[in-house]
Protein backbone atom coordinates (compact mmCIF):
# COMPACT_ATOMS: atom_id res chain seq x y z
CA UNK A 1 -21.26 26.41 18.79
CA UNK A 2 -18.99 29.15 17.35
CA UNK A 3 -18.80 28.30 13.70
CA UNK A 4 -17.48 30.07 10.56
CA UNK A 5 -17.38 29.64 6.98
CA UNK A 6 -19.33 26.68 5.75
CA UNK A 7 -17.80 26.43 2.52
CA UNK A 8 -14.26 25.34 3.42
CA UNK A 9 -14.34 21.59 2.65
CA UNK A 10 -16.89 20.54 0.11
CA UNK A 11 -14.18 18.49 -1.51
CA UNK A 12 -13.83 16.24 1.49
CA UNK A 13 -17.35 14.65 1.12
CA UNK A 14 -17.43 14.56 -2.68
CA UNK A 15 -16.83 11.54 -4.88
CA UNK A 16 -15.92 10.94 -8.64
CA UNK A 17 -15.78 8.18 -11.10
CA UNK A 18 -14.32 10.46 -13.86
CA UNK A 19 -10.90 9.22 -15.35
CA UNK A 20 -10.61 12.88 -16.70
CA UNK A 21 -10.14 14.52 -13.38
CA UNK A 22 -6.86 16.52 -12.70
CA UNK A 23 -4.47 14.99 -10.12
CA UNK A 24 -4.17 16.93 -6.78
CA UNK A 25 -1.59 19.81 -6.47
CA UNK A 26 1.75 18.66 -5.25
CA UNK A 27 2.85 20.03 -1.95
CA UNK A 28 6.48 20.32 -2.80
CA UNK A 29 8.43 20.00 -5.97
CA UNK A 30 6.64 17.34 -7.98
CA UNK A 31 5.31 18.28 -11.43
CA UNK A 32 1.53 19.06 -11.70
CA UNK A 33 -0.31 17.34 -14.69
CA UNK A 34 -3.74 17.11 -15.70
CA UNK A 35 -5.04 13.64 -16.48
CA UNK A 36 -7.66 13.83 -19.28
CA UNK A 37 -8.43 11.76 -22.27
CA UNK A 38 -5.88 14.03 -24.07
CA UNK A 39 -3.29 13.49 -21.47
CA UNK A 40 -2.92 10.05 -19.65
CA UNK A 41 -0.74 9.65 -16.75
CA UNK A 42 0.98 6.44 -15.86
CA UNK A 43 3.42 5.54 -12.93
CA UNK A 44 5.80 2.67 -13.62
CA UNK A 45 7.88 0.63 -11.20
CA UNK A 46 10.83 -0.87 -13.11
CA UNK A 47 12.89 -3.71 -11.41
CA UNK A 48 15.46 -6.32 -12.45
CA UNK A 49 15.38 -10.09 -12.15
CA UNK A 50 16.44 -9.76 -8.48
CA UNK A 51 13.73 -7.32 -7.62
CA UNK A 52 16.00 -4.31 -7.53
CA UNK A 53 14.83 -1.02 -8.95
CA UNK A 54 16.38 -0.04 -12.31
CA UNK A 55 17.50 3.49 -12.11
CA UNK A 56 18.61 6.14 -14.71
CA UNK A 57 16.27 5.05 -17.61
CA UNK A 58 15.59 7.76 -20.09
CA UNK A 59 12.38 8.67 -22.01
CA UNK A 60 13.69 7.22 -25.20
CA UNK A 61 14.06 3.79 -23.60
CA UNK A 62 10.26 3.70 -22.80
CA UNK A 63 7.72 2.52 -25.57
CA UNK A 64 4.04 2.81 -25.02
CA UNK A 65 1.01 1.63 -27.02
CA UNK A 66 -2.77 2.03 -26.32
CA UNK A 67 -5.05 -0.46 -27.95
CA UNK A 68 -1.79 -1.53 -29.90
CA UNK A 69 -1.39 1.84 -31.41
CA UNK A 70 2.08 3.45 -30.57
CA UNK A 71 1.88 6.59 -28.56
CA UNK A 72 4.38 9.53 -28.11
CA UNK A 73 5.62 10.42 -24.57
CA UNK A 74 5.03 14.02 -23.87
CA UNK A 75 6.19 14.17 -20.30
CA UNK A 76 8.83 11.90 -18.37
CA UNK A 77 10.01 12.01 -14.84
CA UNK A 78 12.11 9.68 -12.55
CA UNK A 79 11.26 9.59 -8.86
CA UNK A 80 13.99 8.32 -6.66
CA UNK A 81 13.24 8.68 -2.93
CA UNK A 82 15.52 5.90 -1.64
CA UNK A 83 17.88 6.99 1.08
CA UNK A 84 21.24 8.32 -0.15
CA UNK A 85 24.29 6.47 1.24
CA UNK A 86 26.30 8.28 3.95
CA UNK A 87 23.42 10.89 4.51
CA UNK A 88 24.02 12.68 7.60
CA UNK A 89 21.48 11.86 10.52
CA UNK A 90 18.76 14.21 10.78
CA UNK A 91 18.49 16.78 13.38
CA UNK A 92 16.76 15.90 16.58
CA UNK A 93 13.02 16.47 16.88
CA UNK A 94 12.00 19.89 18.26
CA UNK A 95 11.55 19.78 22.14
CA UNK A 96 8.33 21.68 22.69
CA UNK A 97 6.45 22.59 25.88
CA UNK A 98 3.12 21.02 26.66
CA UNK A 99 0.20 21.94 24.45
CA UNK A 100 2.53 23.37 21.80
CA UNK A 101 2.78 21.74 18.33
CA UNK A 102 4.63 22.25 15.19
CA UNK A 103 4.69 21.07 11.51
CA UNK A 104 8.47 21.17 11.46
CA UNK A 105 9.75 17.71 10.62
CA UNK A 106 13.37 16.86 11.37
CA UNK A 107 13.35 14.07 8.64
CA UNK A 108 11.94 15.32 5.53
CA UNK A 109 9.10 12.98 4.24
CA UNK A 110 10.12 10.89 1.32
CA UNK A 111 8.73 8.13 -1.01
CA UNK A 112 5.14 7.50 -1.98
CA UNK A 113 2.45 7.44 0.77
CA UNK A 114 2.14 3.90 2.30
CA UNK A 115 -1.24 2.59 3.58
CA UNK A 116 -1.57 -0.48 5.63
CA UNK A 117 -4.94 -1.91 5.31
CA UNK A 118 -6.17 -4.57 7.76
CA UNK A 119 -9.06 -6.45 6.27
CA UNK A 120 -10.81 -8.13 9.15
CA UNK A 121 -14.03 -8.52 7.16
CA UNK A 122 -12.27 -11.25 4.99
CA UNK A 123 -9.68 -12.60 7.45
CA UNK A 124 -10.01 -14.94 10.36
CA UNK A 125 -8.81 -13.82 13.80
CA UNK A 126 -5.61 -16.02 13.85
CA UNK A 127 -4.43 -14.42 10.52
CA UNK A 128 -5.33 -10.95 11.81
CA UNK A 129 -2.93 -11.48 14.74
CA UNK A 130 -0.08 -12.47 12.27
CA UNK A 131 -0.70 -9.32 10.26
CA UNK A 132 -0.60 -7.04 13.30
CA UNK A 133 2.56 -8.75 14.51
CA UNK A 134 4.31 -8.28 11.18
CA UNK A 135 3.09 -4.49 11.06
CA UNK A 136 4.61 -3.81 14.57
CA UNK A 137 7.85 -5.45 13.66
CA UNK A 138 8.04 -3.39 10.54
CA UNK A 139 7.22 -0.15 12.47
CA UNK A 140 10.17 -0.80 14.73
CA UNK A 141 12.61 -0.54 11.75
CA UNK A 142 11.12 1.90 9.31
CA UNK A 143 13.50 4.41 7.69
CA UNK A 144 12.98 8.18 8.76
CA UNK A 145 10.47 10.18 6.62
CA UNK A 146 8.15 7.35 5.43
CA UNK A 147 4.57 8.49 5.63
CA UNK A 148 2.34 5.73 6.80
CA UNK A 149 -1.42 5.54 7.43
CA UNK A 150 -3.27 2.48 8.96
CA UNK A 151 -6.75 1.72 7.89
CA UNK A 152 -9.02 -1.13 9.18
CA UNK A 153 -11.94 -2.76 7.29
CA UNK A 154 -14.50 -4.76 9.42
CA UNK A 155 -18.07 -3.90 8.18
CA UNK A 156 -16.97 -0.34 7.34
CA UNK A 157 -13.72 1.43 6.46
CA UNK A 158 -12.07 3.24 9.51
CA UNK A 159 -8.79 5.25 9.89
CA UNK A 160 -6.86 3.77 12.80
CA UNK A 161 -3.97 6.37 12.15
CA UNK A 162 -3.67 9.02 9.64
CA UNK A 163 -0.32 9.68 7.81
CA UNK A 164 2.51 9.88 10.08
CA UNK A 165 6.31 9.37 10.00
CA UNK A 166 6.67 8.84 13.86
CA UNK A 167 7.01 5.06 14.49
CA UNK A 168 5.89 5.75 18.27
CA UNK A 169 2.59 7.22 17.06
CA UNK A 170 1.97 4.43 14.50
CA UNK A 171 2.85 1.72 16.95
CA UNK A 172 0.51 3.10 19.66
CA UNK A 173 -2.34 3.32 17.24
CA UNK A 174 -1.62 -0.34 15.98
CA UNK A 175 -1.64 -1.64 19.68
CA UNK A 176 -4.88 0.08 20.31
CA UNK A 177 -6.34 -1.76 17.40
CA UNK A 178 -4.60 -4.99 18.62
CA UNK A 179 -6.42 -4.58 21.93
CA UNK A 180 -9.80 -4.93 20.17
CA UNK A 181 -9.61 -7.75 17.53
CA UNK A 182 -12.68 -8.14 15.58
CA UNK A 183 -14.21 -11.08 13.58
CA UNK A 184 -16.80 -9.97 11.25
CA UNK A 185 -20.22 -11.43 11.90
CA UNK A 186 -20.21 -12.22 7.89
CA UNK A 187 -17.16 -14.67 8.37
CA UNK A 188 -16.18 -17.62 10.35
CA UNK A 189 -12.88 -19.03 11.08
CA UNK A 190 -11.56 -21.98 8.91
CA UNK A 191 -13.44 -25.23 9.27
CA UNK A 192 -16.19 -23.62 11.39
CA UNK A 193 -19.37 -22.06 10.53
CA UNK A 194 -21.20 -20.54 13.55
CA UNK A 195 -24.46 -20.06 11.72
CA UNK A 196 -24.64 -23.79 10.43
CA UNK A 197 -23.66 -25.01 13.79
CA UNK A 198 -26.49 -23.00 15.56
CA UNK A 199 -29.34 -24.74 13.64
CA UNK A 200 -30.72 -27.69 15.34
CA UNK A 201 -30.02 -31.06 13.58
CA UNK A 202 -33.04 -33.07 12.40
CA UNK A 203 -33.45 -36.16 14.88
CA UNK A 204 -35.73 -38.84 13.62
CA UNK A 205 -34.79 -41.32 16.24
CA UNK A 206 -34.38 -45.11 15.47
CA UNK A 207 -37.70 -45.30 13.65
CA UNK A 208 -37.48 -42.50 11.20
CA UNK A 209 -37.31 -43.07 7.47
CA UNK A 210 -33.83 -42.97 5.98
CA UNK A 211 -35.35 -41.19 2.85
CA UNK A 212 -37.05 -38.58 4.92
CA UNK A 213 -34.09 -37.97 7.03
CA UNK A 214 -31.79 -37.63 3.88
CA UNK A 215 -34.27 -35.12 2.32
CA UNK A 216 -34.40 -33.03 5.63
CA UNK A 217 -30.63 -32.99 5.68
CA UNK A 218 -30.55 -31.83 2.11
CA UNK A 219 -33.20 -29.02 2.64
CA UNK A 220 -31.00 -27.94 5.77
CA UNK A 221 -27.71 -27.93 3.87
CA UNK A 222 -29.38 -25.92 1.01
CA UNK A 223 -30.87 -23.27 3.48
CA UNK A 224 -27.45 -22.85 5.08
CA UNK A 225 -25.70 -22.66 1.61
CA UNK A 226 -28.12 -19.97 0.55
CA UNK A 227 -27.65 -17.93 3.87
CA UNK A 228 -23.75 -18.32 3.27
CA UNK A 229 -24.39 -17.00 -0.30
CA UNK A 230 -26.08 -13.71 1.20
CA UNK A 231 -23.04 -13.28 3.61
CA UNK A 232 -20.56 -13.73 0.93
CA UNK A 233 -22.66 -11.29 -1.23
CA UNK A 234 -22.47 -8.79 1.65
CA UNK A 235 -18.77 -9.17 2.05
CA UNK A 236 -18.29 -8.48 -1.79
CA UNK A 237 -20.52 -5.31 -1.49
CA UNK A 238 -18.62 -3.95 1.60
CA UNK A 239 -15.10 -4.82 0.07
CA UNK A 240 -15.83 -2.89 -3.23
CA UNK A 241 -17.32 0.05 -1.22
CA UNK A 242 -14.12 0.23 0.81
CA UNK A 243 -11.98 0.67 -2.12
CA UNK A 244 -14.35 3.27 -3.50
CA UNK A 245 -14.24 5.16 -0.21
CA UNK A 246 -10.37 4.75 0.08
CA UNK A 247 -9.89 6.00 -3.53
CA UNK A 248 -11.97 9.06 -2.77
CA UNK A 249 -9.79 9.88 0.30
CA UNK A 250 -6.53 9.12 -1.39
CA UNK A 251 -7.61 11.17 -4.52
CA UNK A 252 -7.02 14.31 -2.43
CA UNK A 253 -3.52 13.54 -1.83
CA UNK A 254 -0.64 14.10 -4.49
CA UNK A 255 1.55 11.47 -6.17
CA UNK A 256 1.62 7.82 -6.14
CA UNK A 257 0.25 5.73 -3.15
CA UNK A 258 0.94 2.11 -2.16
CA UNK A 259 -1.89 0.29 -0.52
CA UNK A 260 -0.92 -2.93 1.24
CA UNK A 261 -4.19 -4.99 1.43
CA UNK A 262 -3.84 -7.69 4.01
CA UNK A 263 -6.66 -10.31 3.55
CA UNK A 264 -7.44 -13.89 4.28
CA UNK A 265 -9.54 -14.11 1.22
CA UNK A 266 -10.32 -12.12 -1.81
CA UNK A 267 -13.95 -11.86 -2.77
CA UNK A 268 -13.71 -11.63 -6.45
CA UNK A 269 -14.17 -14.60 -8.84
CA UNK A 270 -12.11 -13.90 -11.89
CA UNK A 271 -10.74 -16.30 -14.38
CA UNK A 272 -8.60 -14.06 -16.83
CA UNK A 273 -6.80 -10.85 -16.59
CA UNK A 274 -9.28 -9.26 -19.10
CA UNK A 275 -12.35 -9.85 -16.87
CA UNK A 276 -11.66 -7.24 -14.14
CA UNK A 277 -10.15 -4.79 -16.81
CA UNK A 278 -13.47 -4.80 -18.70
CA UNK A 279 -15.30 -4.48 -15.47
CA UNK A 280 -16.45 -8.04 -15.46
CA UNK A 281 -16.57 -9.93 -12.18
CA UNK A 282 -18.86 -12.25 -10.42
CA UNK A 283 -19.29 -13.80 -6.96
CA UNK A 284 -19.41 -17.47 -7.59
CA UNK A 285 -21.03 -19.91 -5.09
CA UNK A 286 -21.52 -23.62 -4.87
CA UNK A 287 -25.25 -23.18 -5.61
CA UNK A 288 -26.31 -22.37 -9.01
CA UNK A 289 -26.39 -18.59 -8.91
CA UNK A 290 -23.63 -16.10 -9.50
CA UNK A 291 -23.94 -12.38 -8.82
CA UNK A 292 -22.61 -9.97 -11.41
CA UNK A 293 -20.53 -6.89 -10.12
CA UNK A 294 -19.37 -5.46 -13.33
CA UNK A 295 -20.70 -1.96 -12.71
CA UNK A 296 -19.18 -1.69 -9.18
CA UNK A 297 -15.84 -3.31 -10.19
CA UNK A 298 -15.68 -0.75 -13.05
CA UNK A 299 -16.50 2.15 -10.65
CA UNK A 300 -13.78 1.16 -8.20
CA UNK A 301 -11.23 0.55 -10.88
CA UNK A 302 -11.80 4.07 -12.17
CA UNK A 303 -11.40 5.67 -8.72
CA UNK A 304 -8.36 3.80 -7.98
CA UNK A 305 -6.85 4.96 -11.32
CA UNK A 306 -7.55 8.47 -10.87
CA UNK A 307 -6.28 8.33 -7.23
CA UNK A 308 -2.92 6.85 -8.45
CA UNK A 309 -3.31 4.18 -5.89
CA UNK A 310 -1.38 0.89 -6.50
CA UNK A 311 -2.97 -2.16 -4.68
CA UNK A 312 -0.54 -4.76 -3.15
CA UNK A 313 -2.63 -7.68 -2.00
CA UNK A 314 -0.98 -9.88 0.79
CA UNK A 315 -2.38 -13.19 1.60
CA UNK A 316 -2.53 -13.03 5.44
CA UNK A 317 -2.51 -16.61 6.03
CA UNK A 318 0.60 -17.48 4.04
CA UNK A 319 0.81 -19.52 0.93
CA UNK A 320 -1.82 -22.10 1.71
CA UNK A 321 -5.34 -20.90 1.14
CA UNK A 322 -7.89 -22.66 3.50
CA UNK A 323 -10.77 -23.88 1.35
CA UNK A 324 -13.40 -23.40 3.92
CA UNK A 325 -12.66 -19.65 4.39
CA UNK A 326 -12.35 -18.45 0.76
CA UNK A 327 -15.29 -16.66 -0.47
CA UNK A 328 -16.02 -19.37 -3.13
CA UNK A 329 -16.28 -21.97 -0.44
CA UNK A 330 -17.92 -19.93 2.34
CA UNK A 331 -21.10 -21.59 1.81
CA UNK A 332 -19.74 -24.85 3.18
CA UNK A 333 -18.05 -23.37 6.46
CA UNK A 334 -17.82 -26.66 8.30
CA UNK A 335 -18.45 -29.68 6.28
CA UNK A 336 -22.36 -29.81 5.82
CA UNK A 337 -23.18 -33.49 5.26
CA UNK A 338 -24.92 -34.82 2.20
CA UNK A 339 -26.42 -38.22 1.58
CA UNK A 340 -23.80 -38.86 -0.92
CA UNK A 341 -20.80 -37.67 1.02
CA UNK A 342 -21.81 -37.91 4.76
CA UNK A 343 -18.42 -36.78 6.14
CA UNK A 344 -17.82 -34.10 3.43
CA UNK A 345 -14.59 -35.83 2.61
CA UNK A 346 -14.90 -35.61 -1.29
CA UNK A 347 -16.01 -32.00 -1.10
CA UNK A 348 -13.03 -30.96 1.13
CA UNK A 349 -10.62 -33.05 -0.98
CA UNK A 350 -11.57 -31.37 -4.23
CA UNK A 351 -11.39 -27.83 -3.48
CA UNK A 352 -8.08 -26.53 -1.92
CA UNK A 353 -6.19 -26.52 -5.11
CA UNK A 354 -8.85 -24.81 -7.08
CA UNK A 355 -9.30 -22.16 -4.27
CA UNK A 356 -5.65 -21.42 -4.14
CA UNK A 357 -5.36 -20.84 -7.78
CA UNK A 358 -8.54 -18.71 -7.79
CA UNK A 359 -7.24 -16.62 -5.04
CA UNK A 360 -3.76 -16.24 -6.67
CA UNK A 361 -5.37 -15.23 -9.82
CA UNK A 362 -7.60 -12.71 -8.24
CA UNK A 363 -4.62 -11.11 -6.34
CA UNK A 364 -2.71 -10.94 -9.58
CA UNK A 365 -5.47 -9.22 -11.50
CA UNK A 366 -6.15 -6.69 -8.84
CA UNK A 367 -2.37 -5.89 -8.53
CA UNK A 368 -2.01 -5.85 -12.26
CA UNK A 369 -4.85 -3.41 -12.82
CA UNK A 370 -3.70 -0.87 -10.40
CA UNK A 371 0.10 -1.05 -10.91
CA UNK A 372 0.80 -2.98 -7.76
CA UNK A 373 2.18 -6.50 -7.03
CA UNK A 374 0.70 -9.61 -5.42
CA UNK A 375 2.37 -11.48 -2.57
CA UNK A 376 1.24 -15.01 -1.66
CA UNK A 377 4.17 -17.37 -1.86
CA UNK A 378 5.67 -16.57 1.68
CA UNK A 379 4.76 -16.51 5.37
CA UNK A 380 6.96 -13.54 5.92
CA UNK A 381 4.48 -10.73 5.89
CA UNK A 382 7.07 -8.19 7.11
CA UNK A 383 9.07 -8.92 4.06
CA UNK A 384 6.25 -8.20 1.94
CA UNK A 385 5.74 -4.75 3.62
CA UNK A 386 9.43 -3.90 3.24
CA UNK A 387 9.23 -5.14 -0.43
CA UNK A 388 6.29 -2.70 -1.12
CA UNK A 389 8.12 0.26 0.50
CA UNK A 390 11.22 -0.38 -1.61
CA UNK A 391 9.21 -0.85 -4.71
CA UNK A 392 7.53 2.51 -4.13
CA UNK A 393 10.85 4.36 -3.37
CA UNK A 394 11.80 4.52 -7.09
CA UNK A 395 9.41 4.76 -10.07
CA UNK A 396 8.88 6.71 -13.34
CA UNK A 397 5.98 8.73 -14.44
CA UNK A 398 5.07 9.30 -18.04
CA UNK A 399 2.22 11.20 -19.74
CA UNK A 400 1.00 10.91 -23.34
CA UNK A 401 -1.64 12.34 -25.58
CA UNK A 402 -3.76 9.49 -26.95
CA UNK A 403 -3.96 9.43 -30.79
CA UNK A 404 -7.65 8.41 -30.23
CA UNK A 405 -9.08 11.45 -28.56
CA UNK A 406 -12.85 10.36 -28.76
CA UNK A 407 -14.72 9.90 -25.46
CA UNK A 408 -16.14 6.57 -26.20
CA UNK A 409 -16.43 5.28 -22.65
CA UNK A 410 -14.47 2.03 -23.57
CA UNK A 411 -11.66 0.60 -21.75
CA UNK A 412 -8.35 1.14 -23.48
CA UNK A 413 -5.50 -1.11 -22.91
CA UNK A 414 -2.04 0.21 -22.03
CA UNK A 415 1.12 -1.69 -22.81
CA UNK A 416 4.61 -0.31 -21.84
CA UNK A 417 8.01 -1.79 -22.85
CA UNK A 418 11.48 -0.63 -21.84
CA UNK A 419 14.85 -1.05 -23.38
CA UNK A 420 16.36 -3.10 -20.52
CA UNK A 421 16.76 -6.88 -20.49
CA UNK A 422 14.69 -8.97 -18.23
CA UNK A 423 13.21 -5.78 -16.63
CA UNK A 424 9.75 -6.39 -14.87
CA UNK A 425 7.29 -3.33 -15.17
CA UNK A 426 4.37 -2.65 -12.76
CA UNK A 427 1.72 -0.10 -13.96
CA UNK A 428 -1.80 0.25 -14.45
CA UNK A 429 -3.03 -1.44 -17.51
CA UNK A 430 -5.62 0.77 -18.93
CA UNK A 431 -8.23 3.36 -18.47
CA UNK A 432 -12.02 4.16 -19.44
CA UNK A 433 -12.23 7.09 -21.97
CA UNK A 434 -15.24 8.89 -20.56
CA UNK A 435 -16.35 12.58 -21.01
CA UNK A 436 -16.44 14.03 -17.50
CA UNK A 437 -19.03 16.61 -18.53
CA UNK A 438 -21.58 13.76 -19.28
CA UNK A 439 -21.25 12.06 -15.79
CA UNK A 440 -24.07 12.68 -13.26
CA UNK A 441 -23.31 15.29 -10.68
CA UNK A 442 -22.89 12.76 -7.95
CA UNK A 443 -19.89 11.26 -10.08
CA UNK A 444 -18.01 14.52 -10.29
CA UNK A 445 -15.42 15.58 -7.92
CA UNK A 446 -14.22 19.21 -7.63
CA UNK A 447 -10.59 19.73 -8.62
CA UNK A 448 -8.52 19.37 -5.33
CA UNK A 449 -6.87 22.47 -4.00
CA UNK A 450 -4.23 23.19 -1.40
CA UNK A 451 -7.19 23.79 1.04
CA UNK A 452 -8.59 20.43 0.48
CA UNK A 453 -5.23 18.68 0.84
CA UNK A 454 -4.20 20.64 4.02
CA UNK A 455 -7.49 20.14 5.62
CA UNK A 456 -8.01 16.41 4.98
CA UNK A 457 -8.37 14.44 8.10
CA UNK A 458 -5.34 12.13 8.56
CA UNK A 459 -3.48 13.59 5.62
CA UNK A 460 0.35 14.06 5.87
CA UNK A 461 1.37 17.31 7.43
CA UNK A 462 2.28 20.07 4.95
CA UNK A 463 5.51 21.84 5.62
CA UNK A 464 5.82 24.46 2.93
CA UNK A 465 4.73 27.17 5.49
CA UNK A 466 6.16 26.39 8.87
CA UNK A 467 4.52 27.32 12.18
CA UNK A 468 3.99 26.34 15.69
CA UNK A 469 0.87 26.85 17.78
CA UNK A 470 -0.41 26.48 21.35
CA UNK A 471 -3.88 24.96 21.88
CA UNK A 472 -5.48 25.22 25.26
CA UNK A 473 -8.97 25.69 26.74
CA UNK A 474 -9.78 29.48 26.85
CA UNK A 475 -8.79 31.01 29.98
CA UNK A 476 -11.60 32.47 32.22
CA UNK A 477 -14.26 31.12 29.93
CA UNK A 478 -17.70 31.14 31.51
CA UNK A 479 -19.78 28.39 29.71
CA UNK A 480 -23.43 28.38 30.08
CA UNK A 481 -24.97 25.85 32.32
CA UNK A 482 -26.08 23.61 29.43
CA UNK A 483 -23.05 24.15 27.26
CA UNK A 484 -21.90 21.11 25.19
CA UNK A 485 -18.60 22.61 24.04
CA UNK A 486 -15.43 24.08 25.36
CA UNK A 487 -13.91 27.24 23.77
CA UNK A 488 -10.34 26.71 22.74
CA UNK A 489 -7.57 29.36 22.12
CA UNK A 490 -5.25 28.73 19.23
CA UNK A 491 -2.14 30.94 19.34
CA UNK A 492 0.14 30.79 16.12
CA UNK A 493 3.58 31.77 15.41
CA UNK A 494 4.06 31.64 11.67
CA UNK A 495 7.46 31.60 9.88
CA UNK A 496 7.06 34.21 6.94
CA UNK A 497 9.90 32.78 4.92
CA UNK A 498 7.50 30.14 3.38
CA UNK A 499 4.85 32.87 2.36
CA UNK A 500 5.33 34.70 -0.88
CA UNK A 501 5.06 38.50 -0.11
CA UNK A 502 5.06 41.03 -2.99
CA UNK A 503 7.42 43.95 -2.55
CA UNK A 504 5.79 47.35 -3.29
CA UNK A 505 7.33 50.54 -4.69
CA UNK A 506 7.64 52.17 -1.16
CA UNK A 507 9.47 48.96 0.07
CA UNK A 508 6.55 47.56 2.00
CA UNK A 509 5.39 43.84 1.57
CA UNK A 510 1.96 42.46 0.81
CA UNK A 511 0.68 39.07 1.07
CA UNK A 512 -2.45 37.14 1.65
CA UNK A 513 -3.18 33.99 3.57
CA UNK A 514 -5.90 32.15 5.60
CA UNK A 515 -5.68 30.33 8.87
CA UNK A 516 -8.10 27.49 9.09
CA UNK A 517 -9.12 25.16 11.92
CA UNK A 518 -11.17 21.96 11.27
CA UNK A 519 -12.33 19.59 14.09
CA UNK A 520 -13.02 15.93 13.42
CA UNK A 521 -14.31 13.13 15.81
CA UNK A 522 -12.54 9.79 15.87
CA UNK A 523 -14.74 8.53 12.87
CA UNK A 524 -13.61 11.45 10.77
CA UNK A 525 -16.94 13.33 11.07
CA UNK A 526 -16.76 17.07 10.82
CA UNK A 527 -17.46 18.80 14.26
CA UNK A 528 -16.65 22.53 13.70
CA UNK A 529 -14.41 24.69 11.61
CA UNK A 530 -13.04 28.40 11.76
CA UNK A 531 -11.32 30.49 9.25
CA UNK A 532 -9.48 33.86 9.65
CA UNK A 533 -6.96 35.75 7.57
CA UNK A 534 -6.89 37.81 4.46
CA UNK A 535 -4.60 40.50 3.10
CA UNK A 536 -1.54 41.67 5.13
CA UNK A 537 0.64 44.63 4.71
CA UNK A 538 4.13 45.19 6.46
CA UNK A 539 6.44 48.05 6.17
CA UNK A 540 10.05 47.32 5.67
CA UNK A 541 10.95 47.31 9.60
CA UNK A 542 8.06 45.14 10.54
CA UNK A 543 8.77 42.72 7.79
CA UNK A 544 12.41 42.18 8.78
CA UNK A 545 11.23 41.85 12.47
CA UNK A 546 8.65 39.22 11.85
CA UNK A 547 10.90 37.50 9.32
CA UNK A 548 13.17 36.90 12.35
CA UNK A 549 10.70 36.12 15.09
CA UNK A 550 7.60 34.91 13.22
CA UNK A 551 4.20 36.64 13.00
CA UNK A 552 1.65 35.79 15.76
CA UNK A 553 -2.08 35.30 15.38
CA UNK A 554 -5.09 34.18 17.61
CA UNK A 555 -7.95 32.25 16.86
CA UNK A 556 -10.79 30.51 18.93
CA UNK A 557 -12.84 27.55 18.21
CA UNK A 558 -15.54 25.53 20.21
CA UNK A 559 -14.81 21.81 20.61
CA UNK A 560 -17.15 19.23 22.05
CA UNK A 561 -15.69 17.02 24.98
CA UNK A 562 -14.08 13.77 24.16
CA UNK A 563 -11.32 12.82 21.77
CA UNK A 564 -11.00 15.36 18.96
CA UNK A 565 -8.64 15.70 15.98
CA UNK A 566 -8.03 19.46 15.18
CA UNK A 567 -6.66 20.06 11.73
CA UNK A 568 -4.78 23.36 11.59
CA UNK A 569 -3.63 24.81 8.33
CA UNK A 570 -2.29 28.03 6.97
CA UNK A 571 -2.94 28.47 3.29
CA UNK A 572 -1.40 30.85 0.88
CA UNK A 573 -4.42 32.68 -0.81
CA UNK A 574 -2.75 32.08 -4.16
CA UNK A 575 -3.34 28.40 -3.70
CA UNK A 576 0.13 27.50 -4.29
CA UNK A 577 1.51 26.74 -0.81
CA UNK A 578 0.38 25.59 2.62
CA UNK A 579 1.31 24.32 6.04
CA UNK A 580 -0.70 21.94 8.14
CA UNK A 581 -0.73 19.69 11.20
CA UNK A 582 -3.30 17.44 12.88
CA UNK A 583 -3.51 17.64 16.80
CA UNK A 584 -5.17 14.94 18.99
CA UNK A 585 -7.01 16.65 21.77
CA UNK A 586 -8.68 15.03 24.69
CA UNK A 587 -11.31 17.87 25.30
CA UNK A 588 -12.58 18.08 28.95
CA UNK A 589 -16.33 18.83 29.51
CA UNK A 590 -17.04 22.65 29.59
CA UNK A 591 -17.25 22.95 33.41
CA UNK A 592 -14.04 20.99 33.92
CA UNK A 593 -11.83 22.63 31.30
CA UNK A 594 -10.52 25.33 33.55
CA UNK A 595 -9.89 22.98 36.50
C-alpha cells in the first residue's frame, strides 16, 4: 500500500488528564488562550428567569472567586452566534459534478458544536425509539450553519455521523442507526430481567419442605442479584470510558461544545453536589457492597473540563423514572420473590420516588460540574434539543490568573456572580490544580495544531483555505492479481486567497503549505495517509493568474475496498490556517474499479 509520512497524526490517538493543557487553536476569529493553573478559562451561559440569554454584559458585571478568594478577570469575551433578524438568505449550495467535492459552505458555521449522544447502553428500546424520533424532528427544522455530530453508545462509543451542517446527511445517518436498534446485553427493558427469567425455578412438588424451598429461593435471588451487580458495574465502567473517549476527541476541536446525553438511567450514585466535584462516586446496589469510582470519575471530569465540553443529560423516558431499570435497582429486574414479600409488592412500592430523586440529582451534578443543564421534567425531547442549541448560541468566556499558583493537585471551587437580577449562570464549578510535567507520559496530550484539527475524523470542515477536488479511481491502473487496494487520483484546485504569501523584493510571492490525505474506515481506524507540498514560489504574472483560476495539484493514495472516509486537508505551514473536508467513498475492489 502506498504510504507516506507516518508522523502526521500522533495527536489523534493521544489522551490527557492534564488540566493545564492549552486549548486547540481556533479555526476562525476566536481568541486563543492557554489554560494553565496560572490562567483558568471558564465559559458561562447567562439566562433570565424565562430562559432567554442575557446579552451585552460587561467584564465589570462579573465577579469570580476561587475557594472563596476573589479573583481578577484578565480576559473577557462575549460570543453571540444567534441568527440576526432580517439576515439575507444564504446563497444556494454549489452544484458540483459527480466525484467533485468542495469545503465551501453556503451558510457559515455558527454556534458551538452540538453533539447528540444516543445511549443505548443505559436506555431500553422503547425509549431509544422516542429519542430517535425527537432527533429526526429536530433535524428537519435546524437553522442553517449548526454543526452537529451524532454518536452512539452501546458497549463502545461509535460515531454515527461526524460534524455536518446538512440536515439531509444527518437525517440519513440517523435513519441508518434507526434501522439497527440495539438493546445492550447488559440491560433489560423495564419490569423484565431476561437473565433472571432464564434460570430454572426450584420445584419441590407438593411434598417439599417450605423451609428448604424458601432457602433455595433466597439463594437464587442472591445469585441473580450478584450477577445484576456485575452487569451494573460493567455499565458504569463503559459509561465513564465513553466520556473519557469523547472528551479526548472533542479536545482537538476549538471552542465550547454542547453534548446532549440521552439516557434512560444515569449510572452514578451521588447524594450531594460536592461528591462528584471531589471525584467521589459509587455504584450502589441492593446487596451490601458498593464500588468506588473516585479515580475514574475524577479523570473523566478533568478531560471534559479541558475539552470545554458541557454535558446536558436528558432523561429519555420522560419525567417518570422506572425503578426496575435505574442502575440502583437493576439487580431486581423483574420482581424476584422473597419469603417475606412473595410478590415483590413492598419492594416495588418503596423504590420509585427514591430512584427518581437519585436520577435527578445525578443529572444535576453531571450538568453542574461541566457547565451544562439537566432536562427531566418534560416528555418533549425535541424541546430539550432546541433549548440546548439556543443556550449554546450565546455565552461568555472569561479567564483569570489564580491568586494561588501552587500545583497542589486539589480541587478548587469556582463561583461566579453577575450584576443582573434573577440571572441563572451555567458554568463548570472547578478544576484540579495539577502540574502537567508530573503526569505520566500516557496522561499527556500534545498541544493540538491546525494539522490535528483538520485531519480529525468527523471534525467540522475547515474553510479558511477554500478548495475543490476530484476523487476517482486512477485510470489505466494495473493492480496486481492479489492487490487489496485501489489507487485513487486526487486532483486539487486551491483558492490562493486563503494562503498567506510573502511578497519578495522582485515582486514574486513565496508561500508554504501541505496537502494531506488521511483515510479512515467506518470505525474511525486509520487506513492510509499521504502528504505532499512544501515551499512554492510564483512570479507576479503566475500569482495573478492562479489567484483568479486557482492552483492545481495532483495526489494519489491507495484505498482498500469498502466504505472509506477520506479526509482531505490543506494546511498552511505556519500552522495558522487550514482547509479540510471529509469525503465518504464506496471503493470498489481493485479489479472492478475501472469497470
